[in-house]
Amino acid sequence: MRYYLRALQSLVAVLLATLVLVGCSDMAKPKQVSLAMLAERAASFDNSQVITRGIVRRFEAPLHYWIEDEDLNRVEVFPQERVALFLGETVFVEGHFRFSETEGRRLTLSKIMRE
Protein backbone atom coordinates (compact mmCIF):
# COMPACT_ATOMS: atom_id res chain seq x y z
CA MET A 1 0.00 0.00 0.00
CA ARG A 2 2.84 2.41 0.83
CA TYR A 3 4.35 1.78 -2.60
CA TYR A 4 1.16 2.91 -4.35
CA LEU A 5 0.83 5.96 -2.13
CA ARG A 6 4.41 7.04 -2.86
CA ALA A 7 3.94 6.41 -6.57
CA LEU A 8 0.77 8.50 -6.54
CA GLN A 9 2.52 11.32 -4.66
CA SER A 10 5.39 11.26 -7.16
CA LEU A 11 2.98 11.35 -10.07
CA VAL A 12 1.10 14.31 -8.59
CA ALA A 13 4.39 16.18 -7.99
CA VAL A 14 5.49 15.61 -11.60
CA LEU A 15 2.12 16.75 -12.94
CA LEU A 16 2.20 19.93 -10.82
CA ALA A 17 5.75 20.73 -11.93
CA THR A 18 4.75 20.22 -15.56
CA LEU A 19 1.76 22.55 -15.21
CA VAL A 20 3.94 25.24 -13.64
CA LEU A 21 6.55 24.97 -16.41
CA VAL A 22 3.95 25.03 -19.18
CA GLY A 23 2.32 28.09 -17.63
CA CYS A 24 5.66 29.89 -17.38
CA SER A 25 6.61 29.14 -20.96
CA ASP A 26 3.38 30.72 -22.24
CA MET A 27 4.07 33.87 -20.27
CA ALA A 28 7.61 34.14 -21.65
CA LYS A 29 6.56 34.00 -25.31
CA PRO A 30 7.08 37.43 -26.86
CA LYS A 31 4.03 39.27 -28.17
CA GLN A 32 4.34 40.80 -31.62
CA VAL A 33 3.09 44.36 -31.29
CA SER A 34 3.41 47.61 -33.26
CA LEU A 35 5.12 50.70 -31.88
CA ALA A 36 1.78 52.48 -32.14
CA MET A 37 0.21 49.90 -29.83
CA LEU A 38 3.13 50.17 -27.38
CA ALA A 39 2.66 53.95 -27.36
CA GLU A 40 -1.13 53.84 -26.96
CA ARG A 41 -1.33 51.03 -24.40
CA ALA A 42 2.12 51.04 -22.82
CA ALA A 43 0.93 50.15 -19.32
CA SER A 44 -0.78 46.99 -20.55
CA PHE A 45 2.51 45.71 -22.01
CA ASP A 46 4.66 46.69 -19.01
CA ASN A 47 7.03 43.94 -17.89
CA SER A 48 6.40 41.71 -20.90
CA GLN A 49 8.42 40.24 -23.75
CA VAL A 50 7.64 41.91 -27.09
CA ILE A 51 8.72 41.93 -30.71
CA THR A 52 8.35 45.17 -32.62
CA ARG A 53 9.80 47.03 -35.61
CA GLY A 54 11.15 50.51 -36.24
CA ILE A 55 13.99 52.73 -37.45
CA VAL A 56 16.93 53.23 -35.09
CA ARG A 57 17.50 56.88 -34.12
CA ARG A 58 19.70 58.63 -31.53
CA PHE A 59 20.03 61.85 -29.62
CA GLU A 60 23.43 63.11 -28.45
CA ALA A 61 22.82 65.00 -25.20
CA PRO A 62 22.24 62.89 -23.22
CA LEU A 63 23.13 60.03 -25.54
CA HIS A 64 20.24 57.62 -26.03
CA TYR A 65 18.83 55.40 -28.78
CA TRP A 66 15.28 54.52 -29.73
CA ILE A 67 13.27 52.99 -32.52
CA GLU A 68 10.42 54.86 -34.14
CA ASP A 69 7.77 54.34 -36.80
CA GLU A 70 6.51 56.73 -39.48
CA ASP A 71 4.10 58.34 -36.98
CA LEU A 72 6.96 58.99 -34.51
CA ASN A 73 5.82 56.41 -31.97
CA ARG A 74 9.01 55.66 -30.03
CA VAL A 75 10.56 53.20 -27.62
CA GLU A 76 14.00 53.71 -26.09
CA VAL A 77 16.29 50.70 -26.60
CA PHE A 78 19.05 49.26 -24.37
CA PRO A 79 21.89 48.38 -24.31
CA GLN A 80 23.05 51.33 -26.36
CA GLU A 81 26.18 49.65 -27.72
CA ARG A 82 24.09 46.90 -29.35
CA VAL A 83 21.53 49.16 -31.01
CA ALA A 84 24.11 51.79 -32.10
CA LEU A 85 25.36 49.43 -34.83
CA PHE A 86 21.98 49.76 -36.60
CA LEU A 87 21.64 53.57 -36.62
CA GLY A 88 19.32 54.70 -39.44
CA GLU A 89 18.22 51.16 -40.30
CA THR A 90 14.83 49.49 -39.96
CA VAL A 91 15.08 46.63 -37.49
CA PHE A 92 13.03 44.03 -35.68
CA VAL A 93 13.72 43.99 -31.96
CA GLU A 94 12.77 41.47 -29.32
CA GLY A 95 13.14 42.14 -25.65
CA HIS A 96 11.76 43.03 -22.26
CA PHE A 97 9.44 46.06 -22.38
CA ARG A 98 9.00 48.38 -19.40
CA PHE A 99 6.86 51.47 -18.98
CA SER A 100 6.82 54.07 -16.25
CA GLU A 101 5.34 57.56 -16.07
CA THR A 102 8.77 59.00 -15.16
CA GLU A 103 11.09 57.01 -17.48
CA GLY A 104 8.78 56.36 -20.43
CA ARG A 105 8.82 53.33 -22.74
CA ARG A 106 11.98 51.22 -22.66
CA LEU A 107 13.02 47.94 -24.23
CA THR A 108 16.01 45.84 -23.17
CA LEU A 109 17.16 43.79 -26.14
CA SER A 110 17.39 40.06 -26.34
CA LYS A 111 17.54 40.12 -30.18
CA ILE A 112 17.91 42.68 -32.95
CA MET A 113 17.77 42.00 -36.70
CA ARG A 114 17.81 44.10 -39.83
CA GLU A 115 14.57 44.06 -41.79
C-alpha atoms as a PDB file:
ATOM      1  CA  MET A   1       0.000   0.000   0.000  1.00  0.00           C
ATOM      2  CA  ARG A   2       2.842   2.410   0.826  1.00  0.00           C
ATOM      3  CA  TYR A   3       4.354   1.783  -2.597  1.00  0.00           C
ATOM      4  CA  TYR A   4       1.161   2.910  -4.353  1.00  0.00           C
ATOM      5  CA  LEU A   5       0.828   5.964  -2.129  1.00  0.00           C
ATOM      6  CA  ARG A   6       4.408   7.039  -2.859  1.00  0.00           C
ATOM      7  CA  ALA A   7       3.941   6.407  -6.569  1.00  0.00           C
ATOM      8  CA  LEU A   8       0.767   8.501  -6.543  1.00  0.00           C
ATOM      9  CA  GLN A   9       2.521  11.323  -4.656  1.00  0.00           C
ATOM     10  CA  SER A  10       5.392  11.264  -7.156  1.00  0.00           C
ATOM     11  CA  LEU A  11       2.984  11.351 -10.074  1.00  0.00           C
ATOM     12  CA  VAL A  12       1.098  14.313  -8.594  1.00  0.00           C
ATOM     13  CA  ALA A  13       4.391  16.177  -7.995  1.00  0.00           C
ATOM     14  CA  VAL A  14       5.490  15.608 -11.603  1.00  0.00           C
ATOM     15  CA  LEU A  15       2.119  16.754 -12.940  1.00  0.00           C
ATOM     16  CA  LEU A  16       2.196  19.931 -10.824  1.00  0.00           C
ATOM     17  CA  ALA A  17       5.748  20.731 -11.928  1.00  0.00           C
ATOM     18  CA  THR A  18       4.747  20.218 -15.558  1.00  0.00           C
ATOM     19  CA  LEU A  19       1.762  22.547 -15.210  1.00  0.00           C
ATOM     20  CA  VAL A  20       3.938  25.242 -13.644  1.00  0.00           C
ATOM     21  CA  LEU A  21       6.547  24.972 -16.407  1.00  0.00           C
ATOM     22  CA  VAL A  22       3.949  25.035 -19.177  1.00  0.00           C
ATOM     23  CA  GLY A  23       2.321  28.091 -17.627  1.00  0.00           C
ATOM     24  CA  CYS A  24       5.659  29.889 -17.376  1.00  0.00           C
ATOM     25  CA  SER A  25       6.610  29.139 -20.964  1.00  0.00           C
ATOM     26  CA  ASP A  26       3.384  30.719 -22.244  1.00  0.00           C
ATOM     27  CA  MET A  27       4.075  33.871 -20.268  1.00  0.00           C
ATOM     28  CA  ALA A  28       7.609  34.140 -21.647  1.00  0.00           C
ATOM     29  CA  LYS A  29       6.563  33.998 -25.307  1.00  0.00           C
ATOM     30  CA  PRO A  30       7.085  37.430 -26.862  1.00  0.00           C
ATOM     31  CA  LYS A  31       4.028  39.270 -28.171  1.00  0.00           C
ATOM     32  CA  GLN A  32       4.341  40.798 -31.625  1.00  0.00           C
ATOM     33  CA  VAL A  33       3.089  44.362 -31.293  1.00  0.00           C
ATOM     34  CA  SER A  34       3.407  47.609 -33.258  1.00  0.00           C
ATOM     35  CA  LEU A  35       5.124  50.697 -31.883  1.00  0.00           C
ATOM     36  CA  ALA A  36       1.776  52.483 -32.141  1.00  0.00           C
ATOM     37  CA  MET A  37       0.214  49.902 -29.827  1.00  0.00           C
ATOM     38  CA  LEU A  38       3.131  50.173 -27.383  1.00  0.00           C
ATOM     39  CA  ALA A  39       2.660  53.953 -27.355  1.00  0.00           C
ATOM     40  CA  GLU A  40      -1.135  53.842 -26.961  1.00  0.00           C
ATOM     41  CA  ARG A  41      -1.332  51.027 -24.400  1.00  0.00           C
ATOM     42  CA  ALA A  42       2.124  51.037 -22.824  1.00  0.00           C
ATOM     43  CA  ALA A  43       0.931  50.153 -19.319  1.00  0.00           C
ATOM     44  CA  SER A  44      -0.784  46.988 -20.554  1.00  0.00           C
ATOM     45  CA  PHE A  45       2.512  45.706 -22.011  1.00  0.00           C
ATOM     46  CA  ASP A  46       4.656  46.692 -19.012  1.00  0.00           C
ATOM     47  CA  ASN A  47       7.026  43.941 -17.888  1.00  0.00           C
ATOM     48  CA  SER A  48       6.395  41.711 -20.905  1.00  0.00           C
ATOM     49  CA  GLN A  49       8.417  40.237 -23.753  1.00  0.00           C
ATOM     50  CA  VAL A  50       7.638  41.913 -27.086  1.00  0.00           C
ATOM     51  CA  ILE A  51       8.718  41.929 -30.714  1.00  0.00           C
ATOM     52  CA  THR A  52       8.354  45.172 -32.620  1.00  0.00           C
ATOM     53  CA  ARG A  53       9.800  47.026 -35.605  1.00  0.00           C
ATOM     54  CA  GLY A  54      11.155  50.507 -36.239  1.00  0.00           C
ATOM     55  CA  ILE A  55      13.989  52.734 -37.454  1.00  0.00           C
ATOM     56  CA  VAL A  56      16.928  53.226 -35.090  1.00  0.00           C
ATOM     57  CA  ARG A  57      17.502  56.876 -34.115  1.00  0.00           C
ATOM     58  CA  ARG A  58      19.696  58.626 -31.530  1.00  0.00           C
ATOM     59  CA  PHE A  59      20.032  61.854 -29.618  1.00  0.00           C
ATOM     60  CA  GLU A  60      23.425  63.109 -28.449  1.00  0.00           C
ATOM     61  CA  ALA A  61      22.823  64.996 -25.196  1.00  0.00           C
ATOM     62  CA  PRO A  62      22.243  62.887 -23.216  1.00  0.00           C
ATOM     63  CA  LEU A  63      23.128  60.034 -25.541  1.00  0.00           C
ATOM     64  CA  HIS A  64      20.236  57.624 -26.029  1.00  0.00           C
ATOM     65  CA  TYR A  65      18.831  55.399 -28.784  1.00  0.00           C
ATOM     66  CA  TRP A  66      15.276  54.520 -29.732  1.00  0.00           C
ATOM     67  CA  ILE A  67      13.270  52.991 -32.520  1.00  0.00           C
ATOM     68  CA  GLU A  68      10.416  54.860 -34.144  1.00  0.00           C
ATOM     69  CA  ASP A  69       7.771  54.344 -36.802  1.00  0.00           C
ATOM     70  CA  GLU A  70       6.510  56.734 -39.484  1.00  0.00           C
ATOM     71  CA  ASP A  71       4.096  58.335 -36.976  1.00  0.00           C
ATOM     72  CA  LEU A  72       6.960  58.995 -34.513  1.00  0.00           C
ATOM     73  CA  ASN A  73       5.825  56.412 -31.971  1.00  0.00           C
ATOM     74  CA  ARG A  74       9.007  55.661 -30.025  1.00  0.00           C
ATOM     75  CA  VAL A  75      10.562  53.202 -27.615  1.00  0.00           C
ATOM     76  CA  GLU A  76      14.002  53.708 -26.085  1.00  0.00           C
ATOM     77  CA  VAL A  77      16.295  50.699 -26.597  1.00  0.00           C
ATOM     78  CA  PHE A  78      19.049  49.261 -24.374  1.00  0.00           C
ATOM     79  CA  PRO A  79      21.889  48.377 -24.314  1.00  0.00           C
ATOM     80  CA  GLN A  80      23.054  51.333 -26.361  1.00  0.00           C
ATOM     81  CA  GLU A  81      26.180  49.648 -27.721  1.00  0.00           C
ATOM     82  CA  ARG A  82      24.094  46.896 -29.345  1.00  0.00           C
ATOM     83  CA  VAL A  83      21.532  49.155 -31.010  1.00  0.00           C
ATOM     84  CA  ALA A  84      24.113  51.787 -32.102  1.00  0.00           C
ATOM     85  CA  LEU A  85      25.363  49.430 -34.826  1.00  0.00           C
ATOM     86  CA  PHE A  86      21.981  49.763 -36.603  1.00  0.00           C
ATOM     87  CA  LEU A  87      21.638  53.573 -36.616  1.00  0.00           C
ATOM     88  CA  GLY A  88      19.321  54.700 -39.444  1.00  0.00           C
ATOM     89  CA  GLU A  89      18.216  51.156 -40.295  1.00  0.00           C
ATOM     90  CA  THR A  90      14.833  49.485 -39.964  1.00  0.00           C
ATOM     91  CA  VAL A  91      15.075  46.629 -37.490  1.00  0.00           C
ATOM     92  CA  PHE A  92      13.027  44.027 -35.681  1.00  0.00           C
ATOM     93  CA  VAL A  93      13.716  43.987 -31.961  1.00  0.00           C
ATOM     94  CA  GLU A  94      12.770  41.470 -29.324  1.00  0.00           C
ATOM     95  CA  GLY A  95      13.135  42.137 -25.653  1.00  0.00           C
ATOM     96  CA  HIS A  96      11.758  43.033 -22.256  1.00  0.00           C
ATOM     97  CA  PHE A  97       9.437  46.056 -22.377  1.00  0.00           C
ATOM     98  CA  ARG A  98       9.004  48.378 -19.404  1.00  0.00           C
ATOM     99  CA  PHE A  99       6.861  51.466 -18.977  1.00  0.00           C
ATOM    100  CA  SER A 100       6.823  54.071 -16.248  1.00  0.00           C
ATOM    101  CA  GLU A 101       5.343  57.561 -16.069  1.00  0.00           C
ATOM    102  CA  THR A 102       8.767  59.004 -15.164  1.00  0.00           C
ATOM    103  CA  GLU A 103      11.092  57.010 -17.478  1.00  0.00           C
ATOM    104  CA  GLY A 104       8.782  56.360 -20.435  1.00  0.00           C
ATOM    105  CA  ARG A 105       8.817  53.331 -22.738  1.00  0.00           C
ATOM    106  CA  ARG A 106      11.984  51.216 -22.658  1.00  0.00           C
ATOM    107  CA  LEU A 107      13.024  47.939 -24.226  1.00  0.00           C
ATOM    108  CA  THR A 108      16.010  45.840 -23.165  1.00  0.00           C
ATOM    109  CA  LEU A 109      17.158  43.795 -26.139  1.00  0.00           C
ATOM    110  CA  SER A 110      17.391  40.059 -26.335  1.00  0.00           C
ATOM    111  CA  LYS A 111      17.537  40.116 -30.176  1.00  0.00           C
ATOM    112  CA  ILE A 112      17.910  42.683 -32.950  1.00  0.00           C
ATOM    113  CA  MET A 113      17.771  41.998 -36.700  1.00  0.00           C
ATOM    114  CA  ARG A 114      17.812  44.104 -39.833  1.00  0.00           C
ATOM    115  CA  GLU A 115      14.574  44.065 -41.786  1.00  0.00           C
END
